[in-house]
Amino acid sequence: MIKYKRIAVKVGSNVLTRPDGRLDVTRVSAIVDQISVLHKAGAEIILISSGAVASGRSEIKPHKKLDAVSARQLFSAVGQAKLINRYYELFREQGIACGQILTTKENFGSRSLYLNQKNCISVMLENKVIPIVNENDTTSITELMFTDNDELSGLMATMMDVDALIILSNVDGIYNGNPSDPASHVIRQILPGQQDMDDYISDQKSTLGRGGMHTKCAIAQKVAAEGIAVMIANGKKENILLDLLKKSETTICTLFVPSEKEISSVKKWIAHSEDFAKGVVYVNAGAEEALLDESKASSLLPVGISRIEGEFEEGDIVKIIGESGRTIGVGKVQYDSASARKLVGKKGHKPFIHYDYMSLD
């Protein structure tokens, strides 16, 4: 009996590749076998797969030294073809169709692109096709690249309203000390709102990917706060996916317990849109206090604004900064910047940001 209906599975580069950087075909096959079992049992699976750059790096040797961006573009272009072909053949042996989704961070910043992408994946799931998602490294602009595929998996999990996100790494979860220390053990459960995890997390990053456990933890906490269960587990362990979903109480992993607070799909999108903010709005102490009062829902009115920075249009995303200088949230504005500046500090006008289109930290 599978506990979750719709599941996002993120597989890291260090799970799918050998120490020499070559694709670990045996591990890829094992992941496909497990996903196939879940798929045939009725679960909807969205696979977020790293490994393209590593696959390409092992396949081609540049004729001359390349800068970081050019090398990434070259290796990902070659490696993505190799990786998706491997997935295609393995899933076909199981009688399952898969499809490739290459995306960029910009596709999450525009509401129309966001919904179009969501619709595409929804159609795939309705037709029993497994979406295989990766960043389009060949066209991504450095400044707007995902931190890594952990960030992409969090955005994808939120966008597709999954029940659970499973992040497969090369460690068993988040440890309460250095993983190499025999005295350390995996933190089995992290509750909603639990902070101060930095003391437990190593700064060491993946040798093949861009991220580390700090990123995984931050993404996991954010996604869990939106009502999605998140598990960080060791993707190199045999049958880890099946054990997580069928023997979750005994399988070693770190579970981020989902919040029971309901959040609308629009608020979820806005919560992940800080990187796309077109401007900044500073609020006074009274407005900050009202916005952060969890006992009531408050919109941001022009009277509560002290100043505005940046140029934006109606419907754009802006950051909200309190009197202390701390970012307290993001929101979708109902004025363009020129109109908003004329109303700063004034009473009797419609909300600058309505509560329904605001996400607060």
Protein backbone atom coordinates (compact mmCIF):
# COMPACT_ATOMS: atom_id res chain seq x y z
CA MET A 1 0.00 0.00 0.00
CA ILE A 2 1.56 3.30 -1.13
CA LYS A 3 0.97 6.18 1.26
CA TYR A 4 1.25 8.94 -1.35
CA LYS A 5 -0.58 9.36 -4.67
CA ARG A 6 1.70 11.89 -6.41
CA ILE A 7 5.43 11.83 -5.69
CA ALA A 8 8.37 13.90 -6.93
CA VAL A 9 11.68 12.03 -6.86
CA LYS A 10 14.93 13.96 -7.19
CA VAL A 11 18.05 11.94 -7.95
CA GLY A 12 21.42 13.64 -7.45
CA SER A 13 24.53 13.42 -9.63
CA ASN A 14 26.46 11.50 -6.98
CA VAL A 15 23.76 8.82 -7.03
CA LEU A 16 23.75 8.36 -10.81
CA THR A 17 27.47 8.55 -11.54
CA ARG A 18 30.53 6.51 -10.69
CA PRO A 19 33.57 8.05 -8.96
CA ASP A 20 35.23 8.55 -12.36
CA GLY A 21 32.27 10.66 -13.53
CA ARG A 22 30.77 8.06 -15.84
CA LEU A 23 27.08 7.23 -15.73
CA ASP A 24 26.34 4.37 -13.33
CA VAL A 25 24.06 2.32 -15.59
CA THR A 26 23.34 -0.23 -12.85
CA ARG A 27 22.14 2.48 -10.47
CA VAL A 28 20.05 4.20 -13.15
CA SER A 29 18.44 0.83 -13.92
CA ALA A 30 17.72 0.22 -10.22
CA ILE A 31 16.03 3.63 -9.88
CA VAL A 32 13.92 2.94 -12.99
CA ASP A 33 12.92 -0.50 -11.65
CA GLN A 34 11.69 1.04 -8.38
CA ILE A 35 9.82 3.87 -10.08
CA SER A 36 8.21 1.33 -12.41
CA VAL A 37 6.90 -0.67 -9.44
CA LEU A 38 5.40 2.49 -7.92
CA HIS A 39 3.97 3.58 -11.27
CA LYS A 40 2.28 0.21 -11.83
CA ALA A 41 0.87 0.38 -8.30
CA GLY A 42 -0.95 3.59 -9.24
CA ALA A 43 1.41 6.31 -8.04
CA GLU A 44 2.09 9.34 -10.21
CA ILE A 45 5.86 9.91 -10.34
CA ILE A 46 7.71 13.04 -11.45
CA LEU A 47 11.44 12.33 -11.77
CA ILE A 48 13.87 15.23 -11.39
CA SER A 49 17.16 13.81 -12.57
CA SER A 50 20.65 15.24 -12.38
CA GLY A 51 23.53 13.60 -14.21
CA ALA A 52 23.51 15.26 -17.64
CA VAL A 53 26.67 17.33 -17.17
CA ALA A 54 28.50 14.41 -15.56
CA SER A 55 27.39 12.12 -18.38
CA GLY A 56 28.61 14.55 -21.02
CA ARG A 57 31.91 15.14 -19.26
CA SER A 58 32.68 11.42 -19.47
CA GLU A 59 31.65 11.26 -23.13
CA ILE A 60 33.55 14.11 -24.76
CA LYS A 61 36.95 15.75 -24.37
CA PRO A 62 37.08 19.43 -25.49
CA HIS A 63 39.81 20.35 -27.97
CA LYS A 64 40.73 23.40 -25.91
CA LYS A 65 40.18 24.72 -22.40
CA LEU A 66 36.65 26.11 -21.99
CA ASP A 67 35.25 28.64 -19.56
CA ALA A 68 32.78 27.30 -16.97
CA VAL A 69 29.63 28.33 -18.87
CA SER A 70 30.78 26.94 -22.23
CA ALA A 71 31.90 23.68 -20.62
CA ARG A 72 28.57 23.26 -18.86
CA GLN A 73 26.67 23.94 -22.09
CA LEU A 74 28.76 21.45 -24.05
CA PHE A 75 28.65 18.67 -21.47
CA SER A 76 24.93 19.09 -20.76
CA ALA A 77 24.01 19.09 -24.46
CA VAL A 78 25.84 15.81 -25.03
CA GLY A 79 25.06 14.31 -21.63
CA GLN A 80 21.33 15.06 -21.64
CA ALA A 81 20.89 13.11 -24.90
CA LYS A 82 22.81 10.19 -23.41
CA LEU A 83 20.90 10.30 -20.11
CA ILE A 84 17.37 10.58 -21.51
CA ASN A 85 18.09 7.84 -24.05
CA ARG A 86 19.10 5.54 -21.21
CA TYR A 87 15.92 6.37 -19.29
CA TYR A 88 13.80 5.90 -22.42
CA GLU A 89 15.18 2.41 -23.11
CA LEU A 90 14.91 1.27 -19.50
CA PHE A 91 11.33 2.50 -19.04
CA ARG A 92 10.32 1.02 -22.41
CA GLU A 93 11.51 -2.39 -21.19
CA GLN A 94 8.98 -1.96 -18.37
CA GLY A 95 6.21 -1.01 -20.82
CA ILE A 96 6.17 2.58 -19.54
CA ALA A 97 6.42 5.79 -21.55
CA CYS A 98 8.57 8.68 -20.32
CA GLY A 99 9.00 12.22 -21.58
CA GLN A 100 11.66 14.89 -21.22
CA ILE A 101 11.02 18.28 -19.61
CA LEU A 102 13.92 20.74 -19.87
CA THR A 103 13.17 23.90 -17.94
CA THR A 104 14.78 27.14 -16.77
CA LYS A 105 14.29 29.26 -13.70
CA GLU A 106 12.57 31.92 -15.81
CA ASN A 107 9.72 29.48 -16.46
CA PHE A 108 8.82 29.77 -12.78
CA GLY A 109 8.97 33.57 -12.67
CA SER A 110 6.17 34.23 -15.16
CA ARG A 111 2.70 33.11 -14.06
CA SER A 112 1.69 32.28 -17.64
CA LEU A 113 4.85 30.21 -18.30
CA TYR A 114 4.41 28.57 -14.90
CA LEU A 115 0.84 27.48 -15.66
CA ASN A 116 1.77 26.35 -19.17
CA GLN A 117 4.54 24.16 -17.78
CA LYS A 118 2.20 22.80 -15.10
CA ASN A 119 -0.40 21.94 -17.73
CA CYS A 120 2.16 20.08 -19.84
CA ILE A 121 3.23 17.88 -16.94
CA SER A 122 -0.38 17.35 -15.84
CA VAL A 123 -1.26 16.05 -19.32
CA MET A 124 1.71 13.69 -19.19
CA LEU A 125 0.62 12.29 -15.82
CA GLU A 126 -2.98 11.90 -16.99
CA ASN A 127 -1.69 9.80 -19.87
CA LYS A 128 0.52 7.62 -17.64
CA VAL A 129 3.74 9.18 -18.95
CA ILE A 130 6.58 9.72 -16.46
CA PRO A 131 8.01 13.25 -16.76
CA ILE A 132 11.81 13.39 -16.46
CA VAL A 133 12.78 16.92 -15.50
CA ASN A 134 16.14 18.67 -15.62
CA GLU A 135 17.44 22.20 -15.96
CA ASN A 136 18.16 23.26 -19.53
CA ASP A 137 21.83 24.04 -18.90
CA THR A 138 22.41 24.83 -22.57
CA THR A 139 20.32 28.01 -22.37
CA SER A 140 20.25 28.92 -18.67
CA ILE A 141 21.79 32.29 -17.84
CA THR A 142 24.28 32.04 -14.98
CA GLU A 143 22.53 34.69 -12.88
CA LEU A 144 19.21 32.86 -13.23
CA MET A 145 20.34 29.28 -12.82
CA PHE A 146 18.79 27.11 -10.16
CA THR A 147 21.02 26.75 -7.12
CA ASP A 148 20.95 23.08 -8.10
CA ASN A 149 18.35 20.43 -8.86
CA ASP A 150 17.30 20.43 -5.21
CA GLU A 151 15.86 23.90 -5.78
CA LEU A 152 14.27 22.73 -9.04
CA SER A 153 12.73 19.73 -7.28
CA GLY A 154 11.23 21.98 -4.61
CA LEU A 155 9.69 24.26 -7.23
CA MET A 156 8.41 21.28 -9.19
CA ALA A 157 6.93 19.62 -6.10
CA THR A 158 5.09 22.81 -5.17
CA MET A 159 3.91 23.51 -8.71
CA MET A 160 2.51 20.01 -9.20
CA ASP A 161 0.92 19.78 -5.72
CA VAL A 162 2.68 16.51 -4.94
CA ASP A 163 2.04 14.64 -1.70
CA ALA A 164 5.71 13.88 -1.12
CA LEU A 165 9.15 14.93 -2.35
CA ILE A 166 11.96 12.40 -2.05
CA ILE A 167 15.51 13.76 -2.40
CA LEU A 168 17.99 10.97 -3.07
CA SER A 169 21.59 11.81 -2.21
CA ASN A 170 24.66 9.73 -1.34
CA VAL A 171 24.06 9.99 2.44
CA ASP A 172 21.28 8.61 4.64
CA GLY A 173 19.89 12.01 5.61
CA ILE A 174 20.78 14.95 7.84
CA TYR A 175 23.14 13.99 10.65
CA ASN A 176 23.45 15.55 14.09
CA GLY A 177 27.19 15.85 13.49
CA ASN A 178 29.81 15.01 10.88
CA PRO A 179 28.51 12.00 8.87
CA SER A 180 31.98 10.46 9.00
CA ASP A 181 31.93 10.51 12.80
CA PRO A 182 30.73 7.11 14.14
CA ALA A 183 29.05 8.92 17.04
CA SER A 184 26.79 10.87 14.68
CA HIS A 185 23.38 9.63 13.68
CA VAL A 186 20.65 10.63 11.25
CA ILE A 187 18.02 13.05 12.49
CA ARG A 188 14.93 11.01 11.70
CA GLN A 189 12.31 13.75 11.89
CA ILE A 190 12.19 17.54 11.58
CA LEU A 191 8.98 19.24 12.62
CA PRO A 192 7.32 22.26 10.94
CA GLY A 193 8.93 25.53 11.96
CA GLN A 194 12.02 23.88 13.45
CA GLN A 195 14.93 26.23 12.84
CA ASP A 196 18.67 26.45 13.62
CA MET A 197 19.71 23.39 11.61
CA ASP A 198 23.04 24.98 10.61
CA ASP A 199 24.93 23.42 13.51
CA TYR A 200 24.10 19.97 12.19
CA ILE A 201 24.84 20.42 8.50
CA SER A 202 28.14 20.03 6.70
CA ASP A 203 29.22 22.75 4.26
CA GLN A 204 30.69 20.16 1.91
CA LYS A 205 29.13 20.20 -1.55
CA SER A 206 28.64 17.44 -4.06
CA THR A 207 31.73 16.82 -6.19
CA LEU A 208 29.55 16.64 -9.30
CA GLY A 209 26.59 18.90 -8.48
CA ARG A 210 26.32 22.55 -7.42
CA GLY A 211 24.57 22.17 -4.09
CA GLY A 212 25.04 20.65 -0.67
CA MET A 213 23.09 19.64 2.42
CA HIS A 214 22.43 23.28 3.37
CA THR A 215 20.46 23.72 0.14
CA LYS A 216 18.62 20.43 0.63
CA CYS A 217 17.61 21.36 4.16
CA ALA A 218 16.46 24.87 3.22
CA ILE A 219 14.41 23.59 0.29
CA ALA A 220 12.97 20.75 2.36
CA GLN A 221 11.84 23.09 5.14
CA LYS A 222 10.22 25.47 2.68
CA VAL A 223 8.39 22.69 0.82
CA ALA A 224 7.27 21.00 4.06
CA ALA A 225 5.87 24.35 5.25
CA GLU A 226 3.60 24.21 2.19
CA GLY A 227 2.08 20.89 3.24
CA ILE A 228 4.34 18.45 1.37
CA ALA A 229 6.21 15.63 3.13
CA VAL A 230 9.93 15.69 2.27
CA MET A 231 12.39 12.82 2.73
CA ILE A 232 16.16 12.97 2.28
CA ALA A 233 17.63 9.48 1.86
CA ASN A 234 20.51 7.50 0.38
CA GLY A 235 19.83 6.77 -3.28
CA LYS A 236 22.63 4.20 -3.45
CA LYS A 237 20.82 1.85 -1.08
CA GLU A 238 18.96 -1.02 -2.70
CA ASN A 239 15.19 -0.53 -3.03
CA ILE A 240 15.36 2.76 -1.12
CA LEU A 241 12.28 4.23 -2.84
CA LEU A 242 10.14 1.16 -2.16
CA ASP A 243 11.35 0.96 1.43
CA LEU A 244 10.65 4.67 2.04
CA LEU A 245 7.10 4.38 0.75
CA LYS A 246 6.21 0.96 2.11
CA LYS A 247 8.34 0.72 5.25
CA SER A 248 8.72 4.39 6.09
CA GLU A 249 8.82 3.83 9.86
CA THR A 250 11.90 1.60 9.75
CA THR A 251 13.82 2.97 6.76
CA ILE A 252 16.62 5.38 7.68
CA CYS A 253 16.05 8.87 6.27
CA THR A 254 15.31 12.39 7.43
CA LEU A 255 11.60 13.18 7.21
CA PHE A 256 10.46 16.80 7.15
CA VAL A 257 6.95 16.60 8.57
CA PRO A 258 4.50 18.61 6.43
CA SER A 259 2.60 21.54 7.85
CA GLU A 260 -1.16 21.09 8.13
CA LYS A 261 -1.78 24.72 7.17
CA GLU A 262 -3.50 25.00 3.79
CA ILE A 263 -1.89 27.32 1.24
CA SER A 264 -3.40 28.32 -2.11
CA SER A 265 -1.58 27.46 -5.34
CA VAL A 266 -1.08 31.16 -6.09
CA LYS A 267 0.52 31.77 -2.69
CA LYS A 268 2.82 28.78 -3.27
CA TRP A 269 3.93 30.25 -6.59
CA ILE A 270 4.52 33.66 -5.02
CA ALA A 271 6.49 32.10 -2.14
CA HIS A 272 9.05 30.79 -4.64
CA SER A 273 9.21 33.99 -6.71
CA GLU A 274 11.57 36.14 -4.63
CA ASP A 275 14.34 35.76 -7.21
CA PHE A 276 12.06 37.34 -9.82
CA ALA A 277 11.15 40.45 -7.81
CA LYS A 278 11.09 43.55 -10.01
CA GLY A 279 11.14 46.02 -7.13
CA VAL A 280 11.27 46.55 -3.39
CA VAL A 281 8.63 48.08 -1.13
CA TYR A 282 9.57 49.29 2.35
CA VAL A 283 6.84 49.30 4.99
CA ASN A 284 6.56 51.19 8.25
CA ALA A 285 6.50 49.58 11.70
CA GLY A 286 2.70 49.57 11.92
CA ALA A 287 2.28 47.83 8.58
CA GLU A 288 5.00 45.30 9.40
CA GLU A 289 3.33 44.43 12.69
CA ALA A 290 -0.07 44.04 11.01
CA LEU A 291 1.27 41.88 8.19
CA LEU A 292 3.10 39.54 10.56
CA ASP A 293 0.14 39.15 12.93
CA GLU A 294 -0.88 35.53 12.27
CA SER A 295 -4.22 36.00 14.06
CA LYS A 296 -5.63 37.93 11.11
CA ALA A 297 -5.23 38.36 7.36
CA SER A 298 -3.96 41.81 6.41
CA SER A 299 -3.31 43.30 2.99
CA LEU A 300 -0.60 45.90 2.41
CA LEU A 301 -2.19 49.33 1.89
CA PRO A 302 -0.42 52.39 0.43
CA VAL A 303 -0.65 54.09 3.84
CA GLY A 304 1.70 51.47 5.27
CA ILE A 305 4.41 52.04 2.65
CA SER A 306 7.38 54.29 3.44
CA ARG A 307 9.19 54.10 0.09
CA ILE A 308 9.49 52.13 -3.15
CA GLU A 309 12.52 51.08 -5.18
CA GLY A 310 12.68 49.74 -8.73
CA GLU A 311 10.43 49.87 -11.77
CA PHE A 312 7.58 47.38 -12.12
CA GLU A 313 4.22 46.84 -13.79
CA GLU A 314 0.89 45.83 -12.28
CA GLY A 315 1.02 42.09 -11.61
CA ASP A 316 4.80 41.93 -11.04
CA ILE A 317 6.42 40.46 -7.94
CA VAL A 318 8.12 42.72 -5.38
CA LYS A 319 9.97 42.14 -2.12
CA ILE A 320 8.49 43.49 1.10
CA ILE A 321 11.04 44.86 3.59
CA GLY A 322 10.22 45.87 7.14
CA GLU A 323 11.44 48.89 9.08
CA SER A 324 14.26 46.79 10.51
CA GLY A 325 15.63 46.14 7.00
CA ARG A 326 14.64 42.48 7.04
CA THR A 327 12.80 40.96 4.08
CA ILE A 328 9.45 39.84 5.46
CA GLY A 329 7.87 38.51 2.28
CA VAL A 330 7.02 38.89 -1.39
CA GLY A 331 3.82 39.80 -3.17
CA LYS A 332 2.08 40.48 -6.47
CA VAL A 333 1.35 44.21 -6.85
CA GLN A 334 -1.89 45.86 -7.96
CA TYR A 335 -0.20 49.09 -9.12
CA ASP A 336 2.67 49.94 -11.43
CA SER A 337 5.63 51.67 -9.80
CA ALA A 338 4.76 55.16 -11.10
CA SER A 339 1.21 55.02 -9.72
CA ALA A 340 2.34 53.45 -6.46
CA ARG A 341 4.88 56.19 -5.74
CA LYS A 342 2.14 58.83 -5.92
CA LEU A 343 0.16 56.99 -3.24
CA VAL A 344 2.94 56.24 -0.73
CA GLY A 345 1.68 56.93 2.80
CA LYS A 346 -1.82 57.89 1.68
CA LYS A 347 -5.12 56.53 3.03
CA GLY A 348 -8.29 55.48 1.24
CA HIS A 349 -6.89 53.44 -1.64
CA LYS A 350 -7.13 49.80 -2.68
CA PRO A 351 -4.40 47.45 -1.38
CA PHE A 352 -0.97 47.71 -2.93
CA ILE A 353 -0.68 43.94 -2.36
CA HIS A 354 -3.78 41.93 -1.46
CA TYR A 355 -3.42 39.27 1.23
CA ASP A 356 -4.34 36.52 -1.26
CA TYR A 357 -1.33 37.44 -3.39
CA MET A 358 1.26 37.74 -0.64
CA SER A 359 3.65 35.25 0.94
CA LEU A 360 5.24 36.17 4.26
CA ASP A 361 8.32 34.62 5.86
